[in-house]
């Protein structure tokens, strides 16, 4: 294969990739991913700093992030997941999993609310487009009466 053919194939592939990358959907997706990453930090803080402490107080001051089942090195009981992992014990960290599930539910609910509002706005805009331009308002009764009189006079003449 000659270099000219290879260059044409590479150029065509680069052109195709550029078309793909510059489509509106891809750019929208990229913006969504960046915003999603920033939103994840907010949700993490919301769950860990706002939601879980009151739940922990309600269930007796329990911090769910340190709930775990120690699977190995059971001769030593470690107080935290971090301590167990640091010492090489295998752990089933179900408290961290519970926090992750709560974070997911919050994100899913927020996305649901966002999509619901966007769909409502889209239906509203599509409804206005389907109606077309609004008809002109009806003239006041005096103008309607004068128009009727004018039409009657025209008919007589």
C-alpha atoms as a PDB file:
ATOM      1  CA  UNK A   1       0.000   0.000   0.000  1.00  0.00           C
ATOM      2  CA  UNK A   2       1.433   3.354  -0.960  1.00  0.00           C
ATOM      3  CA  UNK A   3       1.732   6.234   1.460  1.00  0.00           C
ATOM      4  CA  UNK A   4      -0.695   8.306  -0.612  1.00  0.00           C
ATOM      5  CA  UNK A   5      -3.420   5.685  -0.157  1.00  0.00           C
ATOM      6  CA  UNK A   6      -2.679   5.452   3.529  1.00  0.00           C
ATOM      7  CA  UNK A   7      -2.833   9.241   3.854  1.00  0.00           C
ATOM      8  CA  UNK A   8      -6.179   9.349   2.044  1.00  0.00           C
ATOM      9  CA  UNK A   9      -7.554   6.654   4.337  1.00  0.00           C
ATOM     10  CA  UNK A  10      -6.216   8.424   7.427  1.00  0.00           C
ATOM     11  CA  UNK A  11      -7.555  11.760   6.252  1.00  0.00           C
ATOM     12  CA  UNK A  12     -10.952  10.234   5.546  1.00  0.00           C
ATOM     13  CA  UNK A  13     -10.997   8.635   8.988  1.00  0.00           C
ATOM     14  CA  UNK A  14      -9.966  11.897  10.659  1.00  0.00           C
ATOM     15  CA  UNK A  15     -12.647  13.756   8.700  1.00  0.00           C
ATOM     16  CA  UNK A  16     -15.266  11.193   9.745  1.00  0.00           C
ATOM     17  CA  UNK A  17     -14.146  11.421  13.369  1.00  0.00           C
ATOM     18  CA  UNK A  18     -14.305  15.218  13.244  1.00  0.00           C
ATOM     19  CA  UNK A  19     -17.862  15.068  11.870  1.00  0.00           C
ATOM     20  CA  UNK A  20     -18.800  12.681  14.663  1.00  0.00           C
ATOM     21  CA  UNK A  21     -17.142  14.696  17.432  1.00  0.00           C
ATOM     22  CA  UNK A  22     -18.619  18.001  16.323  1.00  0.00           C
ATOM     23  CA  UNK A  23     -22.218  16.830  16.144  1.00  0.00           C
ATOM     24  CA  UNK A  24     -24.507  18.572  18.571  1.00  0.00           C
ATOM     25  CA  UNK A  25     -25.393  15.370  20.413  1.00  0.00           C
ATOM     26  CA  UNK A  26     -21.772  14.514  21.160  1.00  0.00           C
ATOM     27  CA  UNK A  27     -21.039  18.014  22.423  1.00  0.00           C
ATOM     28  CA  UNK A  28     -24.207  17.957  24.533  1.00  0.00           C
ATOM     29  CA  UNK A  29     -23.165  14.598  25.955  1.00  0.00           C
ATOM     30  CA  UNK A  30     -19.703  15.934  26.801  1.00  0.00           C
ATOM     31  CA  UNK A  31     -21.221  18.923  28.604  1.00  0.00           C
ATOM     32  CA  UNK A  32     -23.557  16.551  30.449  1.00  0.00           C
ATOM     33  CA  UNK A  33     -20.662  14.375  31.577  1.00  0.00           C
ATOM     34  CA  UNK A  34     -18.721  17.368  32.900  1.00  0.00           C
ATOM     35  CA  UNK A  35     -21.762  18.725  34.725  1.00  0.00           C
ATOM     36  CA  UNK A  36     -22.524  15.214  36.000  1.00  0.00           C
ATOM     37  CA  UNK A  37     -19.039  14.927  37.457  1.00  0.00           C
ATOM     38  CA  UNK A  38     -19.469  18.240  39.263  1.00  0.00           C
ATOM     39  CA  UNK A  39     -22.955  17.195  40.383  1.00  0.00           C
ATOM     40  CA  UNK A  40     -21.488  13.981  41.830  1.00  0.00           C
ATOM     41  CA  UNK A  41     -19.382  16.006  44.267  1.00  0.00           C
ATOM     42  CA  UNK A  42     -22.488  17.884  45.407  1.00  0.00           C
ATOM     43  CA  UNK A  43     -24.476  14.687  45.839  1.00  0.00           C
ATOM     44  CA  UNK A  44     -21.621  13.024  47.724  1.00  0.00           C
ATOM     45  CA  UNK A  45     -21.493  15.933  50.141  1.00  0.00           C
ATOM     46  CA  UNK A  46     -25.284  15.971  50.452  1.00  0.00           C
ATOM     47  CA  UNK A  47     -25.399  12.278  51.332  1.00  0.00           C
ATOM     48  CA  UNK A  48     -22.348  12.146  53.601  1.00  0.00           C
ATOM     49  CA  UNK A  49     -22.701  15.536  55.305  1.00  0.00           C
ATOM     50  CA  UNK A  50     -26.447  16.227  55.346  1.00  0.00           C
ATOM     51  CA  UNK A  51     -28.536  13.071  54.937  1.00  0.00           C
ATOM     52  CA  UNK A  52     -26.545  10.306  56.612  1.00  0.00           C
ATOM     53  CA  UNK A  53     -25.756  12.083  59.931  1.00  0.00           C
ATOM     54  CA  UNK A  54     -29.447  12.532  60.886  1.00  0.00           C
ATOM     55  CA  UNK A  55     -30.205   8.965  59.796  1.00  0.00           C
ATOM     56  CA  UNK A  56     -27.268   7.811  61.891  1.00  0.00           C
ATOM     57  CA  UNK A  57     -28.615   9.734  64.894  1.00  0.00           C
ATOM     58  CA  UNK A  58     -32.088   8.236  64.383  1.00  0.00           C
ATOM     59  CA  UNK A  59     -30.639   4.726  64.475  1.00  0.00           C
ATOM     60  CA  UNK A  60     -28.423   5.350  67.486  1.00  0.00           C
ATOM     61  CA  UNK A  61     -25.446   7.357  66.262  1.00  0.00           C
ATOM     62  CA  UNK A  62     -24.365   4.803  63.701  1.00  0.00           C
ATOM     63  CA  UNK A  63     -21.982   5.806  60.914  1.00  0.00           C
ATOM     64  CA  UNK A  64     -22.951   3.594  57.990  1.00  0.00           C
ATOM     65  CA  UNK A  65     -19.677   4.101  56.132  1.00  0.00           C
ATOM     66  CA  UNK A  66     -17.879   1.934  58.716  1.00  0.00           C
ATOM     67  CA  UNK A  67     -20.332  -0.953  58.640  1.00  0.00           C
ATOM     68  CA  UNK A  68     -18.576  -3.969  57.238  1.00  0.00           C
ATOM     69  CA  UNK A  69     -18.164  -7.697  57.539  1.00  0.00           C
ATOM     70  CA  UNK A  70     -14.596  -8.825  57.998  1.00  0.00           C
ATOM     71  CA  UNK A  71     -13.975 -11.881  55.820  1.00  0.00           C
ATOM     72  CA  UNK A  72     -10.313 -12.659  56.596  1.00  0.00           C
ATOM     73  CA  UNK A  73      -7.900 -12.161  59.518  1.00  0.00           C
ATOM     74  CA  UNK A  74     -10.808 -12.689  61.881  1.00  0.00           C
ATOM     75  CA  UNK A  75      -8.495 -13.148  64.869  1.00  0.00           C
ATOM     76  CA  UNK A  76      -8.180  -9.339  64.985  1.00  0.00           C
ATOM     77  CA  UNK A  77     -11.256  -7.108  65.022  1.00  0.00           C
ATOM     78  CA  UNK A  78     -10.698  -3.832  63.218  1.00  0.00           C
ATOM     79  CA  UNK A  79     -12.707  -0.742  64.219  1.00  0.00           C
ATOM     80  CA  UNK A  80     -13.024   0.708  60.712  1.00  0.00           C
ATOM     81  CA  UNK A  81     -13.055  -0.412  57.103  1.00  0.00           C
ATOM     82  CA  UNK A  82      -9.917   1.629  56.450  1.00  0.00           C
ATOM     83  CA  UNK A  83      -8.035  -0.075  59.300  1.00  0.00           C
ATOM     84  CA  UNK A  84      -9.087  -3.532  58.110  1.00  0.00           C
ATOM     85  CA  UNK A  85      -8.062  -2.803  54.528  1.00  0.00           C
ATOM     86  CA  UNK A  86      -4.798  -1.236  55.630  1.00  0.00           C
ATOM     87  CA  UNK A  87      -3.908  -4.455  57.452  1.00  0.00           C
ATOM     88  CA  UNK A  88      -4.807  -6.598  54.445  1.00  0.00           C
ATOM     89  CA  UNK A  89      -8.133  -7.982  55.652  1.00  0.00           C
ATOM     90  CA  UNK A  90     -10.795  -8.653  53.057  1.00  0.00           C
ATOM     91  CA  UNK A  91     -13.985  -6.837  53.974  1.00  0.00           C
ATOM     92  CA  UNK A  92     -17.540  -6.667  52.721  1.00  0.00           C
ATOM     93  CA  UNK A  93     -18.180  -2.930  53.161  1.00  0.00           C
ATOM     94  CA  UNK A  94     -21.969  -2.910  53.073  1.00  0.00           C
ATOM     95  CA  UNK A  95     -22.224   0.496  54.782  1.00  0.00           C
ATOM     96  CA  UNK A  96     -20.301   2.153  51.951  1.00  0.00           C
ATOM     97  CA  UNK A  97     -22.544   0.319  49.514  1.00  0.00           C
ATOM     98  CA  UNK A  98     -25.614   1.672  51.331  1.00  0.00           C
ATOM     99  CA  UNK A  99     -24.218   5.208  51.009  1.00  0.00           C
ATOM    100  CA  UNK A 100     -23.628   4.607  47.278  1.00  0.00           C
ATOM    101  CA  UNK A 101     -27.222   3.376  46.817  1.00  0.00           C
ATOM    102  CA  UNK A 102     -28.564   6.476  48.566  1.00  0.00           C
ATOM    103  CA  UNK A 103     -26.385   8.693  46.357  1.00  0.00           C
ATOM    104  CA  UNK A 104     -27.675   6.903  43.271  1.00  0.00           C
ATOM    105  CA  UNK A 105     -31.290   7.357  44.341  1.00  0.00           C
ATOM    106  CA  UNK A 106     -30.739  11.077  44.914  1.00  0.00           C
ATOM    107  CA  UNK A 107     -29.063  11.518  41.516  1.00  0.00           C
ATOM    108  CA  UNK A 108     -31.754   9.446  39.790  1.00  0.00           C
ATOM    109  CA  UNK A 109     -34.495  11.517  41.422  1.00  0.00           C
ATOM    110  CA  UNK A 110     -32.788  14.788  40.468  1.00  0.00           C
ATOM    111  CA  UNK A 111     -32.382  13.611  36.868  1.00  0.00           C
ATOM    112  CA  UNK A 112     -36.023  12.482  36.844  1.00  0.00           C
ATOM    113  CA  UNK A 113     -37.161  15.938  37.973  1.00  0.00           C
ATOM    114  CA  UNK A 114     -34.965  17.592  35.352  1.00  0.00           C
ATOM    115  CA  UNK A 115     -36.228  15.357  32.522  1.00  0.00           C
ATOM    116  CA  UNK A 116     -39.816  15.811  33.701  1.00  0.00           C
ATOM    117  CA  UNK A 117     -39.486  19.606  33.516  1.00  0.00           C
ATOM    118  CA  UNK A 118     -37.763  19.501  30.113  1.00  0.00           C
ATOM    119  CA  UNK A 119     -40.525  17.237  28.760  1.00  0.00           C
ATOM    120  CA  UNK A 120     -43.201  19.559  30.181  1.00  0.00           C
ATOM    121  CA  UNK A 121     -41.541  22.549  28.544  1.00  0.00           C
ATOM    122  CA  UNK A 122     -41.193  20.663  25.244  1.00  0.00           C
ATOM    123  CA  UNK A 123     -44.899  19.699  25.288  1.00  0.00           C
ATOM    124  CA  UNK A 124     -45.821  23.296  26.047  1.00  0.00           C
ATOM    125  CA  UNK A 125     -43.707  24.614  23.166  1.00  0.00           C
ATOM    126  CA  UNK A 126     -44.974  21.940  20.757  1.00  0.00           C
ATOM    127  CA  UNK A 127     -48.567  22.756  21.744  1.00  0.00           C
ATOM    128  CA  UNK A 128     -48.019  26.437  20.954  1.00  0.00           C
ATOM    129  CA  UNK A 129     -46.440  25.559  17.598  1.00  0.00           C
ATOM    130  CA  UNK A 130     -49.328  23.243  16.714  1.00  0.00           C
ATOM    131  CA  UNK A 131     -51.896  25.947  17.393  1.00  0.00           C
ATOM    132  CA  UNK A 132     -50.227  28.338  14.981  1.00  0.00           C
ATOM    133  CA  UNK A 133     -50.575  32.075  15.352  1.00  0.00           C
ATOM    134  CA  UNK A 134     -53.314  33.128  17.713  1.00  0.00           C
ATOM    135  CA  UNK A 135     -56.399  34.574  16.017  1.00  0.00           C
ATOM    136  CA  UNK A 136     -56.851  38.310  16.461  1.00  0.00           C
ATOM    137  CA  UNK A 137     -58.994  39.219  19.435  1.00  0.00           C
ATOM    138  CA  UNK A 138     -62.694  39.892  18.779  1.00  0.00           C
ATOM    139  CA  UNK A 139     -63.505  43.566  18.301  1.00  0.00           C
ATOM    140  CA  UNK A 140     -65.357  45.367  21.063  1.00  0.00           C
ATOM    141  CA  UNK A 141     -69.189  45.257  20.797  1.00  0.00           C
ATOM    142  CA  UNK A 142     -69.388  48.877  19.591  1.00  0.00           C
ATOM    143  CA  UNK A 143     -67.038  48.202  16.667  1.00  0.00           C
ATOM    144  CA  UNK A 144     -68.932  45.003  15.790  1.00  0.00           C
ATOM    145  CA  UNK A 145     -72.224  46.952  15.776  1.00  0.00           C
ATOM    146  CA  UNK A 146     -70.774  49.711  13.592  1.00  0.00           C
ATOM    147  CA  UNK A 147     -69.375  47.092  11.180  1.00  0.00           C
ATOM    148  CA  UNK A 148     -72.800  45.454  10.952  1.00  0.00           C
ATOM    149  CA  UNK A 149     -74.463  48.832  10.257  1.00  0.00           C
ATOM    150  CA  UNK A 150     -71.887  49.572   7.558  1.00  0.00           C
ATOM    151  CA  UNK A 151     -72.475  46.197   5.913  1.00  0.00           C
ATOM    152  CA  UNK A 152     -76.265  46.753   5.951  1.00  0.00           C
ATOM    153  CA  UNK A 153     -75.890  50.212   4.387  1.00  0.00           C
ATOM    154  CA  UNK A 154     -73.643  48.758   1.665  1.00  0.00           C
ATOM    155  CA  UNK A 155     -76.217  46.060   0.951  1.00  0.00           C
ATOM    156  CA  UNK A 156     -79.002  48.722   0.515  1.00  0.00           C
ATOM    157  CA  UNK A 157     -77.086  50.789  -1.957  1.00  0.00           C
END
